[in-house]
Amino acid sequence: MTVNGFQQGEGGGGPASCDGQYHSDEEYVVSLSSEWYAGGARCGKTIRIANSGNLNINAMVVDECAGCDNEVGASIHIWRNFRLDPSLGQADIKWSDLDTSP
């Protein structure tokens, strides 16, 4: 997991791929690497992120991280709720789909 900015002017780039909007850093939102983003099939879907201590956080997929490999880009809010220092840059997590509806 990496830190991603979803607000206008932050390091995440432009508006989110899924809805063309910017999102607050206080939201549980993520970007997924292109392979996992699946051409937008996961847009608006909820994933569950688990840290090494088995704390789970649910987040909505709002963006694609083009050129990223096996990466979940998470809002600062997710990092804070995992009690992680964003300056680490990366953290090991596991994730799974929660919303499996079409």
Protein backbone atom coordinates (compact mmCIF):
# COMPACT_ATOMS: atom_id res chain seq x y z
CA MET A 1 0.00 0.00 0.00
CA THR A 2 1.24 3.48 -0.86
CA VAL A 3 0.02 6.94 0.08
CA ASN A 4 -2.09 8.63 -2.59
CA GLY A 5 -3.53 12.13 -2.62
CA PHE A 6 -7.06 12.40 -3.97
CA GLN A 7 -7.64 16.13 -3.38
CA GLN A 8 -7.02 18.70 -6.10
CA GLY A 9 -3.36 19.72 -6.25
CA GLU A 10 -2.05 16.63 -4.44
CA GLY A 11 0.36 13.98 -5.66
CA GLY A 12 -2.31 11.65 -6.99
CA GLY A 13 -2.57 13.56 -10.27
CA GLY A 14 -5.88 14.64 -11.77
CA PRO A 15 -9.46 13.78 -10.90
CA ALA A 16 -10.27 10.16 -10.10
CA SER A 17 -10.67 7.91 -13.15
CA CYS A 18 -13.95 6.40 -11.97
CA ASP A 19 -16.04 9.53 -11.52
CA GLY A 20 -13.94 12.45 -12.75
CA GLN A 21 -14.05 13.99 -9.27
CA TYR A 22 -11.52 14.84 -6.59
CA HIS A 23 -11.99 13.19 -3.20
CA SER A 24 -11.24 14.35 0.33
CA ASP A 25 -8.27 12.96 2.20
CA GLU A 26 -10.79 12.15 4.94
CA GLU A 27 -12.51 9.52 2.79
CA TYR A 28 -11.77 5.81 2.66
CA VAL A 29 -10.79 5.75 -1.02
CA VAL A 30 -8.14 3.92 -3.03
CA SER A 31 -6.58 3.63 -6.44
CA LEU A 32 -5.65 0.23 -7.85
CA SER A 33 -2.91 -0.75 -10.28
CA SER A 34 -4.20 -1.18 -13.83
CA GLU A 35 -4.39 -4.98 -13.67
CA TRP A 36 -6.55 -4.88 -10.52
CA TYR A 37 -8.52 -1.85 -11.74
CA ALA A 38 -9.64 -4.12 -14.59
CA GLY A 39 -10.57 -1.40 -17.06
CA GLY A 40 -12.85 0.25 -14.52
CA ALA A 41 -14.73 -2.91 -13.52
CA ARG A 42 -13.90 -2.19 -9.86
CA CYS A 43 -14.99 1.48 -9.97
CA GLY A 44 -17.23 2.25 -7.02
CA LYS A 45 -16.70 -1.21 -5.56
CA THR A 46 -15.66 -1.74 -1.96
CA ILE A 47 -12.50 -3.58 -1.05
CA ARG A 48 -11.33 -4.73 2.38
CA ILE A 49 -7.77 -3.87 3.33
CA ALA A 50 -6.09 -5.82 6.13
CA ASN A 51 -2.80 -4.89 7.78
CA SER A 52 -0.37 -7.32 9.38
CA GLY A 53 -2.24 -7.01 12.70
CA ASN A 54 -5.50 -8.06 11.02
CA LEU A 55 -7.11 -4.64 11.39
CA ASN A 56 -9.56 -4.30 8.49
CA ILE A 57 -10.65 -1.14 6.72
CA ASN A 58 -13.19 -0.99 3.90
CA ALA A 59 -12.49 1.46 1.08
CA MET A 60 -14.06 2.44 -2.22
CA VAL A 61 -12.14 2.14 -5.50
CA VAL A 62 -12.17 5.54 -7.21
CA ASP A 63 -9.05 5.61 -9.37
CA GLU A 64 -6.53 3.71 -11.46
CA CYS A 65 -2.81 3.86 -10.84
CA ALA A 66 -1.60 3.51 -14.42
CA GLY A 67 1.95 2.21 -14.58
CA CYS A 68 1.80 0.86 -11.02
CA ASP A 69 2.38 -2.81 -10.39
CA ASN A 70 0.48 -4.69 -7.67
CA GLU A 71 -0.32 -1.49 -5.82
CA VAL A 72 -3.13 -0.10 -3.69
CA GLY A 73 -2.83 3.68 -3.36
CA ALA A 74 -4.66 4.64 -0.17
CA SER A 75 -5.87 7.97 1.17
CA ILE A 76 -4.11 9.49 4.15
CA HIS A 77 -7.26 8.72 6.17
CA ILE A 78 -6.69 4.99 5.66
CA TRP A 79 -3.05 5.32 6.70
CA ARG A 80 -4.03 7.21 9.85
CA ASN A 81 -6.66 4.63 10.76
CA PHE A 82 -4.06 1.88 10.45
CA ARG A 83 -1.91 4.08 12.73
CA LEU A 84 0.81 4.18 10.09
CA ASP A 85 3.21 7.04 9.43
CA PRO A 86 2.61 8.17 5.83
CA SER A 87 6.30 9.09 5.52
CA LEU A 88 7.02 5.34 5.38
CA GLY A 89 5.80 5.48 1.79
CA GLN A 90 4.79 1.81 1.63
CA ALA A 91 3.18 -0.72 3.92
CA ASP A 92 2.43 -4.41 3.48
CA ILE A 93 -1.28 -5.19 3.32
CA LYS A 94 -3.65 -7.77 1.93
CA TRP A 95 -6.87 -6.84 0.20
CA SER A 96 -9.98 -8.54 -1.11
CA ASP A 97 -13.17 -7.61 -2.92
CA LEU A 98 -16.16 -7.03 -0.66
CA ASP A 99 -18.64 -5.93 -3.28
CA THR A 100 -18.99 -8.74 -5.80
CA SER A 101 -22.19 -7.53 -7.44
CA PRO A 102 -21.94 -6.70 -11.17
